[in-house]
Amino acid sequence: MGSSVIDAVVLASRDALLDALQRGCDPNEAEDGRSALALACLNQSLDLVSDLIRFGADVNAAESDGTTPIFHAAFNGNSILVHALLDAGARTDARNEVGQTPLMVAAKSGSVQTVLLLLRFGSTASARDQNGRNALHWASTGGDFDDVIEALLVAGVDPTDRTIEGDSAIDYAFRLKRDASLAAMTAPRARSH
């Protein structure tokens, strides 16, 4: 372990973190390109995330692949952490190296609360990654998440949009046998969007 802030986060010790931050240690310390805030998000520690933000941690600090702390919170489907990051100025449309947004990651994780929160804070529902996949494609690859599919359809994501390879989210759901997702995307209400 490399520093007192990183050490405290890795050990999940709020006392040690507060001690380090109050002594003036940098809240943006990083190890192997990953910030203390990103590590706290990976560990799903709201107390540590809140303390780091309060002491000035950069909520948009990107790792070498473009991943920011909100990606980790969205991947874990932790809407409470996502909300704390958004309140502190995290970008909803940050992109990682493959062009994914936090919304796509949340959709793949199956967390409807996180998806709805990101949409409420201004995520672009129909954004596409470098391969042309949108959040519906990612939800279909993650699981049979009909509630996430419904939220994305209501937000205006088109289930017939095609990737660079020519696949729609409906195609993904069919191939992966995501019956509930497929039903949600092909219901008459879904087609009216």
Foldseek 3Di string as FASTA:
>chain_A
DPDQCLVCLVVVPLVSNVVCLVVPHQLQDDDQQHGSLLSNLLVPPPSSNLVSLVSPHDQLRAGPQQDGSLLNNLLVLPQVSNVVSVVSPHDQLGQGNQGDGSLLSNLLSLNQSNNVVSVVSPHDLQGATNQRDGSLLSNLVNALRLSNLLVSLVVPHQQCRQTNVGDGSLNSNVVVVSPSSNCSCPPPVSVVD
